[in-house]
């Protein structure tokens, strides 16, 4: 499971010109689900993202997390993060989880985040939709976090 996180001063997502999610200060997360991912990956990635220190402390060092800041989280499903881009000029998507599994794990991730932050601090995109995402990247600060899928046969 992969999460591309961006520290934002604000971010929003629309579907068909209609706003469906928005936050002020916080993290915009683009979430990619790969084959082999499960509940463990969703839980672990959520824990890492919510505790990842990307907000400045009093000395200006990245030493505070979204939880420390009381900031918000906007989670947008992004299957293209699971693309295989190692060769050629066109991405392959054989690493992406099947849509039903990916949606279930996306929802599981949202549940984990809402349990930790509260419902009012977690906003979301729409799985499988053509979305327009707007953001003001603060910094810019962007990181790719990954939790490896379980090995086959385990």
Protein backbone atom coordinates (compact mmCIF):
# COMPACT_ATOMS: atom_id res chain seq x y z
CA UNK A 1 0.00 0.00 0.00
CA UNK A 2 1.33 3.39 -0.94
CA UNK A 3 0.47 6.82 0.34
CA UNK A 4 1.69 10.01 -1.28
CA UNK A 5 1.28 12.68 1.40
CA UNK A 6 1.41 16.40 0.85
CA UNK A 7 1.35 18.99 3.60
CA UNK A 8 -1.31 21.50 2.57
CA UNK A 9 -2.73 24.76 3.78
CA UNK A 10 -5.95 23.68 2.05
CA UNK A 11 -7.18 20.98 -0.32
CA UNK A 12 -10.46 19.93 -1.91
CA UNK A 13 -11.89 17.33 -4.25
CA UNK A 14 -14.80 17.57 -6.69
CA UNK A 15 -16.72 15.01 -8.73
CA UNK A 16 -18.71 16.30 -11.69
CA UNK A 17 -18.18 19.90 -10.58
CA UNK A 18 -19.67 19.16 -7.14
CA UNK A 19 -17.46 19.51 -4.04
CA UNK A 20 -17.35 16.28 -2.04
CA UNK A 21 -14.45 16.86 0.36
CA UNK A 22 -12.31 19.70 1.65
CA UNK A 23 -9.85 20.48 4.42
CA UNK A 24 -7.88 23.44 5.68
CA UNK A 25 -4.41 22.85 7.14
CA UNK A 26 -3.42 19.21 7.07
CA UNK A 27 -2.43 16.37 4.79
CA UNK A 28 -3.70 15.47 1.35
CA UNK A 29 -3.19 11.72 0.95
CA UNK A 30 -3.26 9.98 -2.42
CA UNK A 31 -3.78 6.31 -1.51
CA UNK A 32 -2.77 3.41 -3.77
CA UNK A 33 -3.71 -0.20 -3.00
CA UNK A 34 -1.65 -3.06 -4.44
CA UNK A 35 -2.22 -6.79 -4.85
CA UNK A 36 -1.42 -8.55 -1.59
CA UNK A 37 -2.44 -5.59 0.56
CA UNK A 38 -4.78 -6.28 3.43
CA UNK A 39 -6.07 -4.90 6.70
CA UNK A 40 -2.58 -4.96 8.22
CA UNK A 41 -1.25 -2.66 5.51
CA UNK A 42 -4.18 -0.25 5.87
CA UNK A 43 -3.75 -0.08 9.65
CA UNK A 44 0.05 0.31 9.50
CA UNK A 45 0.04 2.93 6.75
CA UNK A 46 -2.63 4.91 8.59
CA UNK A 47 -0.60 4.80 11.81
CA UNK A 48 2.52 5.97 9.98
CA UNK A 49 0.76 8.80 8.14
CA UNK A 50 -0.99 10.15 11.22
CA UNK A 51 2.24 10.10 13.23
CA UNK A 52 4.60 11.22 10.42
CA UNK A 53 6.28 14.45 11.50
CA UNK A 54 5.94 16.92 8.62
CA UNK A 55 4.67 20.04 10.39
CA UNK A 56 7.12 22.57 11.84
CA UNK A 57 7.75 22.92 15.55
CA UNK A 58 8.61 26.22 17.27
CA UNK A 59 12.14 26.06 15.83
CA UNK A 60 10.88 25.47 12.30
CA UNK A 61 11.95 21.79 12.16
CA UNK A 62 9.56 19.14 10.81
CA UNK A 63 8.85 17.63 14.19
CA UNK A 64 5.04 17.57 14.54
CA UNK A 65 2.42 15.22 13.12
CA UNK A 66 -1.11 15.80 11.88
CA UNK A 67 -2.26 14.46 15.26
CA UNK A 68 0.01 16.88 17.16
CA UNK A 69 -1.28 19.80 15.10
CA UNK A 70 -4.97 18.94 15.34
CA UNK A 71 -4.92 19.19 11.54
CA UNK A 72 -7.13 17.42 8.99
CA UNK A 73 -6.71 14.62 6.47
CA UNK A 74 -8.16 14.41 2.95
CA UNK A 75 -7.90 10.86 1.55
CA UNK A 76 -8.17 10.43 -2.22
CA UNK A 77 -8.03 6.96 -3.81
CA UNK A 78 -5.32 6.88 -6.49
CA UNK A 79 -4.92 3.54 -8.26
CA UNK A 80 -2.19 4.94 -10.53
CA UNK A 81 0.20 4.88 -7.54
CA UNK A 82 0.26 1.10 -7.97
CA UNK A 83 1.52 1.41 -11.55
CA UNK A 84 4.61 -0.41 -12.73
CA UNK A 85 6.76 2.29 -14.33
CA UNK A 86 10.10 0.45 -14.37
CA UNK A 87 10.34 0.29 -18.14
CA UNK A 88 8.77 1.56 -21.33
CA UNK A 89 6.72 4.68 -21.82
CA UNK A 90 3.32 3.42 -20.67
CA UNK A 91 2.45 2.38 -17.10
CA UNK A 92 1.26 -1.14 -16.35
CA UNK A 93 -1.36 -1.77 -13.70
CA UNK A 94 -0.89 -5.47 -12.92
CA UNK A 95 0.33 -4.51 -9.42
CA UNK A 96 -2.92 -2.71 -8.55
CA UNK A 97 -5.43 -4.52 -6.37
CA UNK A 98 -8.69 -5.54 -8.02
CA UNK A 99 -11.27 -2.74 -7.66
CA UNK A 100 -13.53 -4.43 -5.08
CA UNK A 101 -10.56 -5.28 -2.84
CA UNK A 102 -9.02 -1.82 -3.27
CA UNK A 103 -12.30 -0.12 -2.37
CA UNK A 104 -12.72 -2.27 0.74
CA UNK A 105 -9.20 -1.39 1.91
CA UNK A 106 -9.72 2.29 1.09
CA UNK A 107 -12.82 2.22 3.31
CA UNK A 108 -10.86 0.37 6.01
CA UNK A 109 -8.17 3.05 5.88
CA UNK A 110 -10.85 5.74 6.31
CA UNK A 111 -12.28 3.90 9.34
CA UNK A 112 -8.84 3.72 10.95
CA UNK A 113 -8.20 7.42 10.31
CA UNK A 114 -11.60 8.46 11.68
CA UNK A 115 -11.09 6.38 14.81
CA UNK A 116 -7.78 8.15 15.43
CA UNK A 117 -8.64 11.72 14.36
CA UNK A 118 -12.43 11.89 14.64
CA UNK A 119 -14.94 12.08 11.81
CA UNK A 120 -14.82 15.86 11.52
CA UNK A 121 -11.09 15.88 10.72
CA UNK A 122 -11.17 13.26 7.93
CA UNK A 123 -12.52 14.06 4.47
CA UNK A 124 -12.52 11.83 1.41
CA UNK A 125 -12.63 11.53 -2.33
CA UNK A 126 -14.83 9.05 -4.20
CA UNK A 127 -13.53 5.64 -5.12
CA UNK A 128 -13.60 4.98 -8.88
CA UNK A 129 -14.69 8.50 -9.79
CA UNK A 130 -13.07 11.01 -12.11
CA UNK A 131 -12.03 13.59 -9.51
CA UNK A 132 -10.60 17.06 -9.66
CA UNK A 133 -8.25 17.69 -6.75
CA UNK A 134 -7.13 21.16 -5.76
CA UNK A 135 -4.46 21.91 -3.22
CA UNK A 136 -2.13 24.51 -1.91
CA UNK A 137 0.99 22.51 -1.09
CA UNK A 138 2.61 24.03 1.99
CA UNK A 139 6.38 24.01 1.62
CA UNK A 140 6.15 22.19 -0.72
CA UNK A 141 6.37 19.09 1.47
CA UNK A 142 5.65 15.75 -0.22
CA UNK A 143 6.58 12.19 0.83
CA UNK A 144 5.83 8.70 -0.46
CA UNK A 145 5.19 6.19 2.33
CA UNK A 146 4.87 2.47 1.64
CA UNK A 147 3.87 -0.64 3.54
CA UNK A 148 4.86 -3.80 1.67
CA UNK A 149 2.19 -6.34 0.73
CA UNK A 150 2.28 -9.66 2.57
CA UNK A 151 4.32 -12.34 0.89
CA UNK A 152 2.36 -14.80 -1.24
CA UNK A 153 1.56 -17.93 0.77
CA UNK A 154 1.63 -16.28 4.19
